[in-house]
């Protein structure tokens, strides 16, 4: 939520009963359908960066990538 500058979560109904919950993130702009694509892009970019750092770390520790 923070990276997308939107507010998520909050109060929710479970089995007809309201449960008060905290919000996640800031309410800087309304949530849009495009935010799903933005979240996916952010997730994949993060995974690629972690993979790259892992391969670099492995190369330094074990002396090779594969």
PDB file of N, CA and C in Angstrom:
ATOM      1  N   UNK A   1       0.822  -1.185   0.000  1.00  0.00           N
ATOM      2  CA  UNK A   1       0.000   0.000   0.000  1.00  0.00           C
ATOM      3  C   UNK A   1       0.871   1.256   0.000  1.00  0.00           C
ATOM      4  N   UNK A   2       1.922   1.227   0.763  1.00  0.00           N
ATOM      5  CA  UNK A   2       2.794   2.390   0.843  1.00  0.00           C
ATOM      6  C   UNK A   2       3.488   2.694  -0.467  1.00  0.00           C
ATOM      7  N   UNK A   3       3.969   1.669  -1.140  1.00  0.00           N
ATOM      8  CA  UNK A   3       4.666   1.866  -2.410  1.00  0.00           C
ATOM      9  C   UNK A   3       3.720   2.357  -3.497  1.00  0.00           C
ATOM     10  N   UNK A   4       2.452   1.984  -3.399  1.00  0.00           N
ATOM     11  CA  UNK A   4       1.463   2.408  -4.392  1.00  0.00           C
ATOM     12  C   UNK A   4       0.753   3.697  -3.988  1.00  0.00           C
ATOM     13  N   UNK A   5       1.049   4.181  -2.780  1.00  0.00           N
ATOM     14  CA  UNK A   5       0.441   5.398  -2.231  1.00  0.00           C
ATOM     15  C   UNK A   5      -1.079   5.299  -2.158  1.00  0.00           C
ATOM     16  N   UNK A   6      -1.563   4.125  -1.710  1.00  0.00           N
ATOM     17  CA  UNK A   6      -2.999   3.920  -1.526  1.00  0.00           C
ATOM     18  C   UNK A   6      -3.243   3.371  -0.128  1.00  0.00           C
ATOM     19  N   UNK A   7      -4.507   3.395   0.284  1.00  0.00           N
ATOM     20  CA  UNK A   7      -4.884   2.865   1.591  1.00  0.00           C
ATOM     21  C   UNK A   7      -5.678   1.584   1.384  1.00  0.00           C
ATOM     22  N   UNK A   8      -5.291   0.535   2.097  1.00  0.00           N
ATOM     23  CA  UNK A   8      -5.952  -0.760   1.994  1.00  0.00           C
ATOM     24  C   UNK A   8      -6.410  -1.230   3.368  1.00  0.00           C
ATOM     25  N   UNK A   9      -7.177  -2.301   3.366  1.00  0.00           N
ATOM     26  CA  UNK A   9      -7.670  -2.987   4.560  1.00  0.00           C
ATOM     27  C   UNK A   9      -8.733  -2.146   5.254  1.00  0.00           C
ATOM     28  N   UNK A  10      -8.681  -2.051   6.554  1.00  0.00           N
ATOM     29  CA  UNK A  10      -9.703  -1.336   7.305  1.00  0.00           C
ATOM     30  C   UNK A  10     -10.775  -2.286   7.805  1.00  0.00           C
ATOM     31  N   UNK A  11     -11.916  -1.708   8.175  1.00  0.00           N
ATOM     32  CA  UNK A  11     -13.012  -2.491   8.735  1.00  0.00           C
ATOM     33  C   UNK A  11     -13.476  -3.560   7.752  1.00  0.00           C
ATOM     34  N   UNK A  12     -13.884  -4.709   8.302  1.00  0.00           N
ATOM     35  CA  UNK A  12     -14.348  -5.811   7.459  1.00  0.00           C
ATOM     36  C   UNK A  12     -15.459  -6.562   8.176  1.00  0.00           C
ATOM     37  N   UNK A  13     -16.346  -7.121   7.398  1.00  0.00           N
ATOM     38  CA  UNK A  13     -17.424  -7.948   7.935  1.00  0.00           C
ATOM     39  C   UNK A  13     -17.056  -9.418   7.787  1.00  0.00           C
ATOM     40  N   UNK A  14     -17.171 -10.162   8.894  1.00  0.00           N
ATOM     41  CA  UNK A  14     -16.974 -11.605   8.896  1.00  0.00           C
ATOM     42  C   UNK A  14     -18.219 -12.247   9.487  1.00  0.00           C
ATOM     43  N   UNK A  15     -18.887 -13.070   8.678  1.00  0.00           N
ATOM     44  CA  UNK A  15     -20.110 -13.750   9.092  1.00  0.00           C
ATOM     45  C   UNK A  15     -21.136 -12.761   9.633  1.00  0.00           C
ATOM     46  N   UNK A  16     -21.245 -11.608   8.955  1.00  0.00           N
ATOM     47  CA  UNK A  16     -22.227 -10.597   9.309  1.00  0.00           C
ATOM     48  C   UNK A  16     -21.847  -9.715  10.479  1.00  0.00           C
ATOM     49  N   UNK A  17     -20.671  -9.893  11.034  1.00  0.00           N
ATOM     50  CA  UNK A  17     -20.236  -9.110  12.185  1.00  0.00           C
ATOM     51  C   UNK A  17     -19.088  -8.190  11.779  1.00  0.00           C
ATOM     52  N   UNK A  18     -19.219  -6.897  12.136  1.00  0.00           N
ATOM     53  CA  UNK A  18     -18.199  -5.908  11.796  1.00  0.00           C
ATOM     54  C   UNK A  18     -16.999  -6.048  12.717  1.00  0.00           C
ATOM     55  N   UNK A  19     -15.817  -6.122  12.120  1.00  0.00           N
ATOM     56  CA  UNK A  19     -14.564  -6.150  12.867  1.00  0.00           C
ATOM     57  C   UNK A  19     -13.781  -4.894  12.506  1.00  0.00           C
ATOM     58  N   UNK A  20     -13.470  -4.095  13.525  1.00  0.00           N
ATOM     59  CA  UNK A  20     -12.693  -2.875  13.325  1.00  0.00           C
ATOM     60  C   UNK A  20     -11.225  -3.241  13.153  1.00  0.00           C
ATOM     61  N   UNK A  21     -10.633  -2.780  12.063  1.00  0.00           N
ATOM     62  CA  UNK A  21      -9.230  -3.065  11.792  1.00  0.00           C
ATOM     63  C   UNK A  21      -8.531  -1.788  11.349  1.00  0.00           C
ATOM     64  N   UNK A  22      -7.222  -1.772  11.521  1.00  0.00           N
ATOM     65  CA  UNK A  22      -6.422  -0.626  11.093  1.00  0.00           C
ATOM     66  C   UNK A  22      -6.278  -0.614   9.578  1.00  0.00           C
ATOM     67  N   UNK A  23      -6.065   0.578   9.060  1.00  0.00           N
ATOM     68  CA  UNK A  23      -5.776   0.724   7.639  1.00  0.00           C
ATOM     69  C   UNK A  23      -4.283   0.564   7.406  1.00  0.00           C
ATOM     70  N   UNK A  24      -3.928   0.160   6.198  1.00  0.00           N
ATOM     71  CA  UNK A  24      -2.533   0.030   5.797  1.00  0.00           C
ATOM     72  C   UNK A  24      -2.265   1.080   4.727  1.00  0.00           C
ATOM     73  N   UNK A  25      -1.233   1.900   4.897  1.00  0.00           N
ATOM     74  CA  UNK A  25      -0.885   2.911   3.910  1.00  0.00           C
ATOM     75  C   UNK A  25      -1.605   4.228   4.145  1.00  0.00           C
ATOM     76  N   UNK A  26      -1.351   5.165   3.246  1.00  0.00           N
ATOM     77  CA  UNK A  26      -1.934   6.503   3.322  1.00  0.00           C
ATOM     78  C   UNK A  26      -2.985   6.672   2.241  1.00  0.00           C
ATOM     79  N   UNK A  27      -3.945   7.524   2.529  1.00  0.00           N
ATOM     80  CA  UNK A  27      -5.036   7.770   1.587  1.00  0.00           C
ATOM     81  C   UNK A  27      -4.671   8.943   0.675  1.00  0.00           C
ATOM     82  N   UNK A  28      -3.592   8.784  -0.124  1.00  0.00           N
ATOM     83  CA  UNK A  28      -3.128   9.859  -1.003  1.00  0.00           C
ATOM     84  C   UNK A  28      -3.928   9.957  -2.290  1.00  0.00           C
ATOM     85  N   UNK A  29      -4.503   8.843  -2.722  1.00  0.00           N
ATOM     86  CA  UNK A  29      -5.289   8.833  -3.956  1.00  0.00           C
ATOM     87  C   UNK A  29      -6.234   7.650  -3.911  1.00  0.00           C
ATOM     88  N   UNK A  30      -7.275   7.666  -4.716  1.00  0.00           N
ATOM     89  CA  UNK A  30      -8.217   6.537  -4.710  1.00  0.00           C
ATOM     90  C   UNK A  30      -7.601   5.290  -5.353  1.00  0.00           C
ATOM     91  N   UNK A  31      -8.083   4.145  -4.929  1.00  0.00           N
ATOM     92  CA  UNK A  31      -7.631   2.871  -5.494  1.00  0.00           C
ATOM     93  C   UNK A  31      -8.219   2.724  -6.894  1.00  0.00           C
ATOM     94  N   UNK A  32      -7.383   2.287  -7.841  1.00  0.00           N
ATOM     95  CA  UNK A  32      -7.813   2.112  -9.231  1.00  0.00           C
ATOM     96  C   UNK A  32      -7.555   0.672  -9.662  1.00  0.00           C
ATOM     97  N   UNK A  33      -8.225   0.240 -10.711  1.00  0.00           N
ATOM     98  CA  UNK A  33      -7.980  -1.096 -11.262  1.00  0.00           C
ATOM     99  C   UNK A  33      -6.537  -1.247 -11.722  1.00  0.00           C
ATOM    100  N   UNK A  34      -5.943  -0.178 -12.192  1.00  0.00           N
ATOM    101  CA  UNK A  34      -4.559  -0.191 -12.674  1.00  0.00           C
ATOM    102  C   UNK A  34      -3.574  -0.525 -11.549  1.00  0.00           C
ATOM    103  N   UNK A  35      -3.990  -0.344 -10.291  1.00  0.00           N
ATOM    104  CA  UNK A  35      -3.114  -0.646  -9.158  1.00  0.00           C
ATOM    105  C   UNK A  35      -2.757  -2.126  -9.088  1.00  0.00           C
ATOM    106  N   UNK A  36      -3.605  -2.997  -9.609  1.00  0.00           N
ATOM    107  CA  UNK A  36      -3.294  -4.426  -9.636  1.00  0.00           C
ATOM    108  C   UNK A  36      -2.092  -4.664 -10.540  1.00  0.00           C
ATOM    109  N   UNK A  37      -2.085  -4.021 -11.704  1.00  0.00           N
ATOM    110  CA  UNK A  37      -0.943  -4.149 -12.617  1.00  0.00           C
ATOM    111  C   UNK A  37       0.309  -3.534 -12.001  1.00  0.00           C
ATOM    112  N   UNK A  38       0.150  -2.408 -11.327  1.00  0.00           N
ATOM    113  CA  UNK A  38       1.298  -1.766 -10.676  1.00  0.00           C
ATOM    114  C   UNK A  38       1.874  -2.665  -9.584  1.00  0.00           C
ATOM    115  N   UNK A  39       1.002  -3.290  -8.801  1.00  0.00           N
ATOM    116  CA  UNK A  39       1.460  -4.183  -7.735  1.00  0.00           C
ATOM    117  C   UNK A  39       2.181  -5.394  -8.316  1.00  0.00           C
ATOM    118  N   UNK A  40       1.659  -5.958  -9.395  1.00  0.00           N
ATOM    119  CA  UNK A  40       2.321  -7.097 -10.044  1.00  0.00           C
ATOM    120  C   UNK A  40       3.691  -6.708 -10.577  1.00  0.00           C
ATOM    121  N   UNK A  41       3.773  -5.550 -11.211  1.00  0.00           N
ATOM    122  CA  UNK A  41       5.056  -5.078 -11.747  1.00  0.00           C
ATOM    123  C   UNK A  41       6.062  -4.880 -10.616  1.00  0.00           C
ATOM    124  N   UNK A  42       5.616  -4.283  -9.524  1.00  0.00           N
ATOM    125  CA  UNK A  42       6.474  -4.069  -8.363  1.00  0.00           C
ATOM    126  C   UNK A  42       6.955  -5.403  -7.793  1.00  0.00           C
ATOM    127  N   UNK A  43       6.061  -6.385  -7.707  1.00  0.00           N
ATOM    128  CA  UNK A  43       6.409  -7.696  -7.179  1.00  0.00           C
ATOM    129  C   UNK A  43       7.446  -8.389  -8.060  1.00  0.00           C
ATOM    130  N   UNK A  44       7.226  -8.384  -9.378  1.00  0.00           N
ATOM    131  CA  UNK A  44       8.164  -9.046 -10.285  1.00  0.00           C
ATOM    132  C   UNK A  44       9.521  -8.340 -10.313  1.00  0.00           C
ATOM    133  N   UNK A  45       9.525  -7.023 -10.302  1.00  0.00           N
ATOM    134  CA  UNK A  45      10.798  -6.286 -10.278  1.00  0.00           C
ATOM    135  C   UNK A  45      11.569  -6.588  -8.998  1.00  0.00           C
ATOM    136  N   UNK A  46      10.867  -6.642  -7.878  1.00  0.00           N
ATOM    137  CA  UNK A  46      11.508  -6.969  -6.607  1.00  0.00           C
ATOM    138  C   UNK A  46      12.083  -8.379  -6.637  1.00  0.00           C
ATOM    139  N   UNK A  47      11.336  -9.324  -7.185  1.00  0.00           N
ATOM    140  CA  UNK A  47      11.817 -10.712  -7.270  1.00  0.00           C
ATOM    141  C   UNK A  47      13.063 -10.812  -8.143  1.00  0.00           C
ATOM    142  N   UNK A  48      13.092 -10.083  -9.244  1.00  0.00           N
ATOM    143  CA  UNK A  48      14.258 -10.104 -10.133  1.00  0.00           C
ATOM    144  C   UNK A  48      15.478  -9.503  -9.442  1.00  0.00           C
ATOM    145  N   UNK A  49      15.277  -8.414  -8.721  1.00  0.00           N
ATOM    146  CA  UNK A  49      16.386  -7.783  -8.000  1.00  0.00           C
ATOM    147  C   UNK A  49      16.931  -8.725  -6.932  1.00  0.00           C
ATOM    148  N   UNK A  50      16.045  -9.381  -6.186  1.00  0.00           N
ATOM    149  CA  UNK A  50      16.487 -10.332  -5.157  1.00  0.00           C
ATOM    150  C   UNK A  50      17.235 -11.498  -5.798  1.00  0.00           C
ATOM    151  N   UNK A  51      16.748 -11.992  -6.926  1.00  0.00           N
ATOM    152  CA  UNK A  51      17.434 -13.076  -7.634  1.00  0.00           C
ATOM    153  C   UNK A  51      18.836 -12.646  -8.058  1.00  0.00           C
ATOM    154  N   UNK A  52      18.954 -11.440  -8.600  1.00  0.00           N
ATOM    155  CA  UNK A  52      20.263 -10.944  -9.037  1.00  0.00           C
ATOM    156  C   UNK A  52      21.229 -10.839  -7.861  1.00  0.00           C
ATOM    157  N   UNK A  53      20.770 -10.266  -6.737  1.00  0.00           N
ATOM    158  CA  UNK A  53      21.632 -10.164  -5.563  1.00  0.00           C
ATOM    159  C   UNK A  53      22.004 -11.541  -5.025  1.00  0.00           C
ATOM    160  N   UNK A  54      21.074 -12.485  -5.084  1.00  0.00           N
ATOM    161  CA  UNK A  54      21.366 -13.843  -4.616  1.00  0.00           C
ATOM    162  C   UNK A  54      22.435 -14.503  -5.475  1.00  0.00           C
ATOM    163  N   UNK A  55      22.343 -14.332  -6.789  1.00  0.00           N
ATOM    164  CA  UNK A  55      23.346 -14.913  -7.682  1.00  0.00           C
ATOM    165  C   UNK A  55      24.713 -14.270  -7.485  1.00  0.00           C
ATOM    166  N   UNK A  56      24.723 -12.962  -7.293  1.00  0.00           N
ATOM    167  CA  UNK A  56      25.992 -12.266  -7.038  1.00  0.00           C
ATOM    168  C   UNK A  56      26.597 -12.738  -5.719  1.00  0.00           C
ATOM    169  N   UNK A  57      25.773 -12.851  -4.690  1.00  0.00           N
ATOM    170  CA  UNK A  57      26.243 -13.333  -3.386  1.00  0.00           C
ATOM    171  C   UNK A  57      26.798 -14.750  -3.505  1.00  0.00           C
ATOM    172  N   UNK A  58      26.072 -15.602  -4.214  1.00  0.00           N
ATOM    173  CA  UNK A  58      26.526 -16.983  -4.403  1.00  0.00           C
ATOM    174  C   UNK A  58      27.859 -17.020  -5.154  1.00  0.00           C
ATOM    175  N   UNK A  59      28.006 -16.160  -6.152  1.00  0.00           N
ATOM    176  CA  UNK A  59      29.257 -16.120  -6.917  1.00  0.00           C
ATOM    177  C   UNK A  59      30.433 -15.747  -6.019  1.00  0.00           C
ATOM    178  N   UNK A  60      30.221 -14.808  -5.106  1.00  0.00           N
ATOM    179  CA  UNK A  60      31.299 -14.412  -4.200  1.00  0.00           C
ATOM    180  C   UNK A  60      31.598 -15.492  -3.167  1.00  0.00           C
ATOM    181  N   UNK A  61      30.576 -16.138  -2.661  1.00  0.00           N
ATOM    182  CA  UNK A  61      30.774 -17.122  -1.595  1.00  0.00           C
ATOM    183  C   UNK A  61      31.300 -18.446  -2.133  1.00  0.00           C
ATOM    184  N   UNK A  62      30.702 -18.923  -3.224  1.00  0.00           N
ATOM    185  CA  UNK A  62      31.037 -20.258  -3.727  1.00  0.00           C
ATOM    186  C   UNK A  62      31.901 -20.241  -4.985  1.00  0.00           C
ATOM    187  N   UNK A  63      32.210 -19.079  -5.497  1.00  0.00           N
ATOM    188  CA  UNK A  63      33.110 -18.974  -6.630  1.00  0.00           C
ATOM    189  C   UNK A  63      32.508 -19.351  -7.965  1.00  0.00           C
ATOM    190  N   UNK A  64      31.262 -19.109  -8.165  1.00  0.00           N
ATOM    191  CA  UNK A  64      30.621 -19.395  -9.448  1.00  0.00           C
ATOM    192  C   UNK A  64      29.117 -19.206  -9.357  1.00  0.00           C
ATOM    193  N   UNK A  65      28.506 -18.928 -10.477  1.00  0.00           N
ATOM    194  CA  UNK A  65      27.061 -18.693 -10.478  1.00  0.00           C
ATOM    195  C   UNK A  65      26.300 -20.007 -10.565  1.00  0.00           C
ATOM    196  N   UNK A  66      26.736 -20.914 -11.431  1.00  0.00           N
ATOM    197  CA  UNK A  66      25.999 -22.173 -11.594  1.00  0.00           C
ATOM    198  C   UNK A  66      26.706 -23.290 -10.943  1.00  0.00           C
TER     199      UNK A  66
END
